[in-house]
Protein backbone atom coordinates (compact mmCIF):
# COMPACT_ATOMS: atom_id res chain seq x y z
CA UNK A 1 -9.76 -20.10 -11.98
CA UNK A 2 -8.24 -21.51 -9.25
CA UNK A 3 -6.56 -24.89 -9.13
CA UNK A 4 -3.99 -27.49 -7.55
CA UNK A 5 -1.78 -29.41 -9.73
CA UNK A 6 -0.77 -33.24 -8.64
CA UNK A 7 2.34 -34.96 -9.67
CA UNK A 8 1.65 -39.21 -11.18
CA UNK A 9 1.98 -40.27 -7.27
CA UNK A 10 -0.71 -37.94 -6.22
CA UNK A 11 1.53 -35.41 -4.06
CA UNK A 12 0.50 -31.63 -4.40
CA UNK A 13 2.71 -29.77 -6.76
CA UNK A 14 1.87 -26.68 -8.33
CA UNK A 15 -1.07 -24.18 -8.05
CA UNK A 16 -2.90 -22.94 -11.20
CA UNK A 17 -4.07 -19.25 -10.97
CA UNK A 18 -5.59 -18.16 -13.94
CA UNK A 19 -3.69 -18.91 -16.87
CA UNK A 20 -0.47 -19.51 -15.03
CA UNK A 21 1.58 -22.21 -13.47
CA UNK A 22 2.98 -21.09 -9.98
CA UNK A 23 5.24 -23.86 -7.32
CA UNK A 24 4.11 -24.38 -4.09
CA UNK A 25 6.25 -21.11 -3.32
CA UNK A 26 4.22 -18.74 -5.35
CA UNK A 27 6.68 -18.49 -8.33
CA UNK A 28 5.15 -18.14 -11.65
CA UNK A 29 6.91 -21.43 -13.46
CA UNK A 30 4.45 -21.56 -16.46
CA UNK A 31 1.95 -20.63 -18.59
CA UNK A 32 -1.79 -22.80 -19.15
CA UNK A 33 -3.27 -22.31 -22.22
CA UNK A 34 -6.35 -25.11 -22.41
CA UNK A 35 -4.52 -28.02 -20.98
CA UNK A 36 -1.04 -27.41 -22.85
CA UNK A 37 1.66 -25.53 -20.37
CA UNK A 38 4.36 -23.05 -22.05
CA UNK A 39 7.33 -22.26 -20.91
CA UNK A 40 7.77 -18.49 -20.05
CA UNK A 41 9.53 -18.34 -23.05
CA UNK A 42 6.69 -19.85 -25.02
CA UNK A 43 7.75 -23.29 -25.70
CA UNK A 44 5.37 -25.66 -25.37
CA UNK A 45 6.66 -27.80 -22.30
CA UNK A 46 3.83 -30.79 -21.86
CA UNK A 47 0.02 -31.05 -20.99
CA UNK A 48 -2.38 -31.39 -17.99
CA UNK A 49 -4.97 -33.33 -17.20
CA UNK A 50 -8.39 -32.43 -15.59
CA UNK A 51 -9.34 -35.37 -12.85
CA UNK A 52 -12.94 -32.57 -12.53
CA UNK A 53 -13.62 -29.82 -10.47
CA UNK A 54 -9.97 -27.98 -9.04
CA UNK A 55 -7.83 -30.94 -9.46
CA UNK A 56 -5.37 -31.71 -12.39
CA UNK A 57 -2.93 -34.23 -12.54
CA UNK A 58 0.19 -34.29 -14.31
CA UNK A 59 1.39 -37.32 -17.02
CA UNK A 60 4.37 -39.43 -15.62
CA UNK A 61 6.10 -37.87 -18.92
CA UNK A 62 5.68 -34.34 -17.12
CA UNK A 63 6.30 -34.68 -13.79
CA UNK A 64 10.10 -33.82 -14.28
CA UNK A 65 8.85 -29.61 -14.76
CA UNK A 66 7.53 -30.15 -11.25
CA UNK A 67 9.87 -30.91 -8.44
CA UNK A 68 8.70 -31.78 -4.67
CA UNK A 69 9.41 -29.73 -1.58
CA UNK A 70 11.48 -31.61 0.40
CA UNK A 71 9.93 -33.40 3.78
CA UNK A 72 8.73 -30.65 6.27
CA UNK A 73 8.79 -27.44 4.16
CA UNK A 74 5.55 -25.83 4.57
CA UNK A 75 4.33 -24.45 1.47
CA UNK A 76 3.82 -19.89 0.70
CA UNK A 77 0.68 -18.66 1.91
CA UNK A 78 -0.91 -21.91 3.02
CA UNK A 79 0.99 -22.74 6.87
CA UNK A 80 0.71 -27.02 5.73
CA UNK A 81 3.50 -28.77 4.58
CA UNK A 82 2.70 -30.62 0.86
CA UNK A 83 2.03 -33.49 2.18
CA UNK A 84 -1.01 -31.89 4.55
CA UNK A 85 -1.94 -30.59 0.84
CA UNK A 86 -1.73 -33.53 -1.02
CA UNK A 87 -4.35 -34.75 1.85
CA UNK A 88 -6.52 -32.04 1.22
CA UNK A 89 -5.77 -32.63 -2.49
CA UNK A 90 -6.54 -36.13 -2.56
CA UNK A 91 -9.91 -35.39 0.02
CA UNK A 92 -11.27 -32.95 -2.87
CA UNK A 93 -10.83 -35.88 -5.06
CA UNK A 94 -12.44 -38.76 -3.95
């Protein structure tokens, strides 16, 4: 399974690949079991809401687990800025 993670404001902050969550630079941050987010140490830290399709949305309480890239940085492997990826994610949602 592959999909995008957006925060409560709709900004693209991470990518889900199989049962792992990666930041936008490709670093593995968390394990995902169902909708539960676990630190790599095994500690439960939050939940991820499925919005349908490949897009998943964070609760406000879970936003702090993911930091956004500074404006203008290019997301690894995409050639796009986070703002552009956010627009793509929103287009998929509608």
